[in-house]
């Protein structure tokens, strides 16, 4: 079989008429930037997550940058985060001249370990950025409590977890600021780069709205140093359509994950604590036998694509070597990076495809 890692074409075909109509409406309006679909999307996102305010943003990476700017992050500040995630989280901290301070992860959830955060806090600490990895929210109550005790802000990097819940509240609405990504491969994705930001503070929302539009508070009146972080009208139109179907897709994702979990053998499978749900941005499993690359190559020969999220923790990346971390600094992250890999997954993975993937993997692992 020739299986797609994420079947975006099948999703487009399912919603084709609605998406084509929404795109045509933007083209007819010629309002390609800050058109009606932008405000509509922000209202829809706010209603979905339960956050008072939502802002459409050009990417999840830009959302992280804007959040840090909104907090007044500057050179010399420290921001605590995880070394086991995509580089954008630490990259935006470093870009502002602040220092990423890493804390190791919990071995079961792969999210930042709250028990290790407090020892990393110093007088220079500005904020904590937990990442809700692979679609599963971090333990936000514990993290928020630590932050409150030390007068720190929490930015939830929910770039992989839009639609997931923690204690019945939606990810993106679990901290002072929530940010997410709508990159095409995300659980809710647009047709290019895109993202959003969420908060419940009016003054903070106004500052975010200004920073993402060159720091403007009026036409050609610039209060802040900002950037062009706007999300264009075409992407918003696509997201408005997809959001209408998103809860159905979440249910389907949960069903597909359950089938994987019930039928795969000889692997460490995702652990979802009882107080949370996951949207399975990736369905990631671990192979502890040390022959991961051979298994992935054999799967590829059978037409089953895989991916490794993430093979090299951030503290070992050349771009962040100046931080002074060495191999062994975060043993759990390093262990997971050696063992983990992700299987094909989307709401449009067919039963036949999934059965073939399971049979192929079980046959290889015995």
Protein backbone atom coordinates (compact mmCIF):
# COMPACT_ATOMS: atom_id res chain seq x y z
CA UNK A 1 0.00 0.00 0.00
CA UNK A 2 1.02 3.62 -0.50
CA UNK A 3 -0.18 5.34 2.65
CA UNK A 4 -0.02 9.10 3.28
CA UNK A 5 1.47 10.13 6.62
CA UNK A 6 -1.28 12.76 6.86
CA UNK A 7 -4.00 12.61 4.22
CA UNK A 8 -4.71 16.28 3.50
CA UNK A 9 -6.03 15.52 0.04
CA UNK A 10 -8.84 13.35 1.41
CA UNK A 11 -9.77 16.07 3.87
CA UNK A 12 -9.95 18.68 1.11
CA UNK A 13 -12.16 16.44 -1.00
CA UNK A 14 -14.53 15.95 1.96
CA UNK A 15 -15.04 19.71 2.38
CA UNK A 16 -14.25 20.81 -1.17
CA UNK A 17 -17.49 22.62 -1.98
CA UNK A 18 -17.49 24.57 1.28
CA UNK A 19 -13.82 25.48 1.05
CA UNK A 20 -14.00 26.50 -2.60
CA UNK A 21 -17.00 28.70 -1.84
CA UNK A 22 -15.27 30.33 1.12
CA UNK A 23 -12.13 31.03 -0.93
CA UNK A 24 -14.21 32.42 -3.81
CA UNK A 25 -15.94 34.82 -1.42
CA UNK A 26 -12.57 36.23 -0.36
CA UNK A 27 -11.46 36.52 -3.97
CA UNK A 28 -14.68 38.32 -4.87
CA UNK A 29 -14.24 40.73 -1.97
CA UNK A 30 -10.58 41.43 -2.83
CA UNK A 31 -10.04 41.96 0.92
CA UNK A 32 -7.04 39.68 1.16
CA UNK A 33 -5.64 41.19 4.39
CA UNK A 34 -7.87 41.90 7.42
CA UNK A 35 -10.98 40.87 5.50
CA UNK A 36 -14.26 39.77 7.05
CA UNK A 37 -13.12 36.16 7.42
CA UNK A 38 -10.42 37.23 9.91
CA UNK A 39 -12.83 38.64 12.47
CA UNK A 40 -15.16 35.72 11.88
CA UNK A 41 -12.37 33.25 12.61
CA UNK A 42 -11.33 35.08 15.77
CA UNK A 43 -14.91 34.95 17.05
CA UNK A 44 -15.19 31.28 16.18
CA UNK A 45 -11.89 30.40 17.86
CA UNK A 46 -12.83 32.32 21.00
CA UNK A 47 -16.16 30.52 21.19
CA UNK A 48 -14.55 27.13 20.61
CA UNK A 49 -11.89 27.46 23.34
CA UNK A 50 -13.90 29.52 25.78
CA UNK A 51 -11.23 32.20 25.91
CA UNK A 52 -12.52 35.76 26.01
CA UNK A 53 -10.17 36.92 23.25
CA UNK A 54 -8.59 35.29 20.21
CA UNK A 55 -6.30 36.73 17.57
CA UNK A 56 -5.49 35.16 14.21
CA UNK A 57 -1.72 35.20 13.64
CA UNK A 58 0.60 34.45 10.73
CA UNK A 59 2.11 31.31 12.32
CA UNK A 60 2.56 29.50 15.60
CA UNK A 61 6.15 30.71 15.66
CA UNK A 62 5.06 34.32 15.31
CA UNK A 63 2.46 33.73 18.01
CA UNK A 64 5.23 32.68 20.41
CA UNK A 65 7.28 35.74 19.48
CA UNK A 66 4.32 38.11 19.94
CA UNK A 67 3.49 36.54 23.30
CA UNK A 68 7.04 37.12 24.52
CA UNK A 69 6.99 40.68 23.20
CA UNK A 70 3.66 41.31 24.91
CA UNK A 71 5.24 40.28 28.20
CA UNK A 72 8.10 42.73 27.62
CA UNK A 73 10.72 39.99 27.33
CA UNK A 74 14.16 41.44 26.73
CA UNK A 75 17.86 40.63 26.66
CA UNK A 76 19.03 39.01 29.87
CA UNK A 77 15.65 37.57 30.84
CA UNK A 78 15.26 33.82 31.30
CA UNK A 79 12.34 31.75 30.07
CA UNK A 80 11.85 28.17 31.26
CA UNK A 81 10.75 25.59 28.72
CA UNK A 82 11.29 22.02 27.56
CA UNK A 83 14.19 20.70 25.47
CA UNK A 84 11.95 18.08 23.84
CA UNK A 85 9.90 19.93 21.23
CA UNK A 86 10.22 21.74 17.91
CA UNK A 87 12.88 24.44 18.02
CA UNK A 88 10.47 27.38 17.55
CA UNK A 89 9.72 27.48 21.28
CA UNK A 90 13.34 28.09 22.32
CA UNK A 91 14.18 29.89 19.08
CA UNK A 92 11.82 32.79 19.80
CA UNK A 93 13.20 33.18 23.32
CA UNK A 94 16.74 33.32 21.95
CA UNK A 95 15.76 35.66 19.12
CA UNK A 96 14.85 38.33 21.68
CA UNK A 97 18.17 37.91 23.46
CA UNK A 98 16.59 36.12 26.39
CA UNK A 99 17.94 32.79 27.64
CA UNK A 100 16.06 29.52 27.16
CA UNK A 101 16.35 27.56 30.41
CA UNK A 102 15.49 23.91 29.90
CA UNK A 103 13.75 21.55 32.29
CA UNK A 104 13.52 17.84 31.57
CA UNK A 105 10.29 16.06 30.68
CA UNK A 106 8.03 13.50 32.30
CA UNK A 107 8.78 10.08 30.82
CA UNK A 108 5.14 9.09 30.44
CA UNK A 109 3.55 12.22 28.93
CA UNK A 110 6.67 13.72 27.26
CA UNK A 111 5.62 17.13 28.58
CA UNK A 112 7.70 19.32 30.88
CA UNK A 113 7.99 17.83 34.39
CA UNK A 114 6.38 20.31 36.82
CA UNK A 115 8.35 18.84 39.72
CA UNK A 116 11.59 20.08 38.12
CA UNK A 117 10.51 23.63 37.27
CA UNK A 118 10.94 25.41 40.60
CA UNK A 119 14.64 24.59 40.90
CA UNK A 120 15.22 26.32 37.53
CA UNK A 121 13.66 29.64 38.59
CA UNK A 122 16.03 32.54 39.25
CA UNK A 123 15.71 36.28 39.76
CA UNK A 124 15.95 36.66 35.97
CA UNK A 125 13.08 34.30 35.13
CA UNK A 126 10.39 36.07 33.11
CA UNK A 127 8.02 33.30 32.10
CA UNK A 128 7.39 29.58 31.74
CA UNK A 129 6.48 28.05 28.38
CA UNK A 130 5.16 24.50 28.74
CA UNK A 131 4.56 22.72 25.44
CA UNK A 132 1.45 20.57 25.08
CA UNK A 133 3.31 17.98 23.04
CA UNK A 134 1.84 15.56 20.49
CA UNK A 135 -1.63 16.93 21.21
CA UNK A 136 -1.63 16.33 25.00
CA UNK A 137 -1.84 19.31 27.38
CA UNK A 138 0.83 19.65 30.04
CA UNK A 139 -0.10 19.57 33.73
CA UNK A 140 -1.17 23.19 33.66
CA UNK A 141 -2.61 23.53 37.19
CA UNK A 142 0.73 22.63 38.76
CA UNK A 143 2.62 24.87 36.36
CA UNK A 144 0.28 27.82 36.90
CA UNK A 145 0.57 27.42 40.68
CA UNK A 146 4.37 27.53 40.51
CA UNK A 147 4.21 30.58 38.26
CA UNK A 148 1.79 32.38 40.57
CA UNK A 149 4.00 31.74 43.58
CA UNK A 150 6.92 33.38 41.78
CA UNK A 151 4.94 36.10 39.95
CA UNK A 152 5.69 34.65 36.52
CA UNK A 153 3.59 34.49 33.35
CA UNK A 154 2.73 31.19 31.68
CA UNK A 155 2.50 30.90 27.90
CA UNK A 156 0.99 27.59 26.84
CA UNK A 157 2.64 26.48 23.63
CA UNK A 158 -0.42 24.69 22.32
CA UNK A 159 0.84 24.54 18.73
CA UNK A 160 0.08 20.81 18.69
CA UNK A 161 -2.91 20.64 21.00
CA UNK A 162 -5.73 22.86 19.75
CA UNK A 163 -8.91 20.92 20.52
CA UNK A 164 -7.50 18.91 23.42
CA UNK A 165 -8.76 19.36 26.98
CA UNK A 166 -7.34 19.54 30.49
CA UNK A 167 -9.83 19.12 33.35
CA UNK A 168 -12.66 19.86 30.89
CA UNK A 169 -11.11 23.13 29.70
CA UNK A 170 -9.74 23.51 26.20
CA UNK A 171 -6.05 23.84 25.50
CA UNK A 172 -5.16 27.45 24.56
CA UNK A 173 -7.35 28.64 27.45
CA UNK A 174 -5.30 27.15 30.29
CA UNK A 175 -2.90 29.97 31.15
CA UNK A 176 -2.20 33.71 30.87
CA UNK A 177 -1.55 33.39 27.13
CA UNK A 178 -2.19 30.44 24.84
CA UNK A 179 -0.70 30.11 21.36
CA UNK A 180 -1.35 27.59 18.64
CA UNK A 181 -0.37 26.74 15.08
CA UNK A 182 -2.51 26.04 12.03
CA UNK A 183 0.32 24.62 9.92
CA UNK A 184 -1.31 22.25 7.39
CA UNK A 185 -0.31 19.07 9.25
CA UNK A 186 -1.77 20.21 12.60
CA UNK A 187 -5.07 18.76 13.87
CA UNK A 188 -6.71 21.98 12.64
CA UNK A 189 -4.63 23.24 9.74
CA UNK A 190 -4.89 25.87 7.05
CA UNK A 191 -3.36 25.83 3.56
CA UNK A 192 -0.09 27.50 4.51
CA UNK A 193 1.33 28.97 7.69
CA UNK A 194 -1.08 30.21 10.32
CA UNK A 195 -1.72 30.40 14.04
CA UNK A 196 -3.68 32.06 16.81
CA UNK A 197 -3.32 33.58 20.28
CA UNK A 198 -5.73 33.47 23.20
CA UNK A 199 -6.13 35.34 26.48
CA UNK A 200 -8.76 36.62 28.91
CA UNK A 201 -7.27 40.05 29.67
CA UNK A 202 -8.55 42.98 27.63
CA UNK A 203 -5.42 45.11 27.93
CA UNK A 204 -3.23 42.14 26.99
CA UNK A 205 -5.41 41.36 23.98
CA UNK A 206 -5.19 44.95 22.77
CA UNK A 207 -1.40 44.86 23.11
CA UNK A 208 -1.24 41.57 21.19
CA UNK A 209 -3.46 43.02 18.47
CA UNK A 210 -1.16 46.02 18.20
CA UNK A 211 2.12 44.06 18.16
CA UNK A 212 0.94 41.70 15.43
CA UNK A 213 0.18 44.74 13.25
CA UNK A 214 3.50 46.60 13.49
CA UNK A 215 2.77 47.96 16.96
CA UNK A 216 0.03 50.23 15.67
CA UNK A 217 -2.65 51.71 17.90
CA UNK A 218 -3.95 53.88 15.07
CA UNK A 219 -3.12 54.28 11.41
CA UNK A 220 0.61 55.11 11.25
CA UNK A 221 0.68 55.56 15.03
CA UNK A 222 3.07 52.96 16.49
CA UNK A 223 3.15 52.48 20.26
CA UNK A 224 5.20 49.25 20.28
CA UNK A 225 7.92 47.59 18.26
CA UNK A 226 5.96 44.91 16.50
CA UNK A 227 5.91 42.82 13.36
CA UNK A 228 3.69 41.79 10.50
CA UNK A 229 1.98 38.91 12.26
CA UNK A 230 -1.38 39.10 10.49
CA UNK A 231 -3.09 36.00 9.12
CA UNK A 232 -4.46 36.57 5.63
CA UNK A 233 -8.14 36.37 4.77
CA UNK A 234 -7.84 33.29 2.54
CA UNK A 235 -6.33 31.20 5.32
CA UNK A 236 -9.00 32.40 7.74
CA UNK A 237 -11.71 31.42 5.27
CA UNK A 238 -10.29 27.90 5.02
CA UNK A 239 -10.07 27.60 8.81
CA UNK A 240 -13.65 28.78 9.29
CA UNK A 241 -14.83 25.88 7.15
CA UNK A 242 -12.59 23.29 8.78
CA UNK A 243 -13.51 24.46 12.27
CA UNK A 244 -17.15 23.60 11.57
CA UNK A 245 -16.11 19.96 11.16
CA UNK A 246 -13.38 19.91 13.77
CA UNK A 247 -15.21 18.24 16.66
CA UNK A 248 -16.22 15.39 14.35
CA UNK A 249 -12.59 15.05 13.32
CA UNK A 250 -11.47 15.02 16.96
CA UNK A 251 -13.86 12.13 17.65
CA UNK A 252 -12.48 10.28 14.65
CA UNK A 253 -8.90 10.92 15.76
CA UNK A 254 -9.71 9.50 19.19
CA UNK A 255 -11.24 6.41 17.58
CA UNK A 256 -8.20 5.83 15.36
CA UNK A 257 -5.87 6.32 18.33
CA UNK A 258 -7.88 3.81 20.35
CA UNK A 259 -7.55 1.20 17.58
CA UNK A 260 -3.79 1.71 17.48
CA UNK A 261 -3.57 1.44 21.27
CA UNK A 262 -5.67 -1.72 21.46
CA UNK A 263 -3.83 -3.56 18.68
CA UNK A 264 -0.16 -2.60 18.65
CA UNK A 265 2.26 -4.85 20.51
CA UNK A 266 5.80 -4.64 21.91
CA UNK A 267 5.85 -0.84 21.92
CA UNK A 268 5.44 1.86 24.54
CA UNK A 269 2.19 3.56 23.57
CA UNK A 270 0.87 7.06 24.36
CA UNK A 271 -0.32 7.62 27.92
CA UNK A 272 -3.27 9.97 28.33
CA UNK A 273 -3.92 10.92 31.99
CA UNK A 274 -7.55 10.68 33.09
CA UNK A 275 -7.88 14.44 33.53
CA UNK A 276 -6.92 15.13 29.89
CA UNK A 277 -7.76 14.38 26.28
CA UNK A 278 -5.39 14.45 23.33
CA UNK A 279 -5.97 15.45 19.72
CA UNK A 280 -3.03 13.26 18.71
CA UNK A 281 -1.16 15.76 16.60
CA UNK A 282 1.07 12.73 16.25
CA UNK A 283 0.49 9.16 17.34
CA UNK A 284 3.96 8.54 18.69
CA UNK A 285 5.24 5.23 20.02
CA UNK A 286 8.52 4.11 21.52
CA UNK A 287 10.73 1.19 20.65
CA UNK A 288 13.16 0.31 23.44
CA UNK A 289 15.10 -2.46 21.68
CA UNK A 290 17.52 -0.03 20.05
CA UNK A 291 16.75 -1.00 16.44
CA UNK A 292 14.41 1.87 15.59
CA UNK A 293 16.10 2.80 12.32
CA UNK A 294 15.91 -0.76 11.00
CA UNK A 295 12.20 -0.94 11.85
CA UNK A 296 11.47 2.40 10.20
CA UNK A 297 13.34 1.34 7.07
CA UNK A 298 11.38 -1.93 6.93
CA UNK A 299 8.10 -0.04 7.31
CA UNK A 300 9.09 2.32 4.50
CA UNK A 301 9.70 -0.68 2.24
CA UNK A 302 6.16 -1.81 3.01
CA UNK A 303 4.75 1.59 2.04
CA UNK A 304 4.23 2.80 5.61
CA UNK A 305 5.74 6.26 6.19
CA UNK A 306 6.94 7.28 9.63
CA UNK A 307 8.52 10.34 11.23
CA UNK A 308 10.64 11.00 14.29
CA UNK A 309 9.43 13.88 16.47
CA UNK A 310 12.13 14.74 17.63
CA UNK A 311 15.51 13.05 17.03
CA UNK A 312 17.77 15.64 18.70
CA UNK A 313 16.68 17.53 21.84
CA UNK A 314 17.08 21.28 21.74
CA UNK A 315 19.92 21.46 24.28
CA UNK A 316 22.06 19.45 21.83
CA UNK A 317 21.28 21.58 18.77
CA UNK A 318 24.25 23.48 17.31
CA UNK A 319 22.28 26.74 17.22
CA UNK A 320 21.82 26.60 20.99
CA UNK A 321 25.29 25.30 21.91
CA UNK A 322 26.14 28.70 23.40
CA UNK A 323 23.82 27.85 26.32
CA UNK A 324 26.46 25.42 27.53
CA UNK A 325 24.35 22.30 27.92
CA UNK A 326 26.05 18.97 27.23
CA UNK A 327 24.94 15.44 26.50
CA UNK A 328 23.41 13.89 29.60
CA UNK A 329 22.01 17.19 30.90
CA UNK A 330 18.42 16.06 30.32
CA UNK A 331 18.48 12.26 30.31
CA UNK A 332 14.75 11.67 29.91
CA UNK A 333 14.53 13.88 26.81
CA UNK A 334 17.58 12.18 25.34
CA UNK A 335 16.18 8.72 26.02
CA UNK A 336 12.80 9.51 24.44
CA UNK A 337 14.52 11.06 21.41
CA UNK A 338 16.35 7.77 20.80
CA UNK A 339 13.23 5.64 21.05
CA UNK A 340 10.24 7.55 19.68
CA UNK A 341 8.63 7.57 16.24
CA UNK A 342 5.26 8.58 14.82
CA UNK A 343 2.82 6.56 12.72
CA UNK A 344 0.51 7.73 9.91
CA UNK A 345 -2.40 9.54 11.49
CA UNK A 346 -5.31 11.75 10.49
CA UNK A 347 -9.08 11.72 10.71
CA UNK A 348 -9.03 10.37 7.14
CA UNK A 349 -6.87 7.31 7.76
CA UNK A 350 -8.99 4.43 6.43
CA UNK A 351 -9.69 1.23 8.36
CA UNK A 352 -7.87 -0.74 5.65
CA UNK A 353 -4.81 1.49 5.88
CA UNK A 354 -4.72 1.33 9.65
CA UNK A 355 -5.09 -2.44 9.69
CA UNK A 356 -2.19 -2.73 7.25
CA UNK A 357 -0.01 -0.45 9.40
CA UNK A 358 -0.79 -2.44 12.54
CA UNK A 359 -0.21 -5.78 10.83
CA UNK A 360 3.06 -4.57 9.33
CA UNK A 361 4.40 -3.24 12.60
CA UNK A 362 3.34 -6.23 14.68
CA UNK A 363 4.89 -8.57 12.13
CA UNK A 364 8.21 -6.74 12.37
CA UNK A 365 8.23 -6.69 16.16
CA UNK A 366 7.05 -10.26 16.68
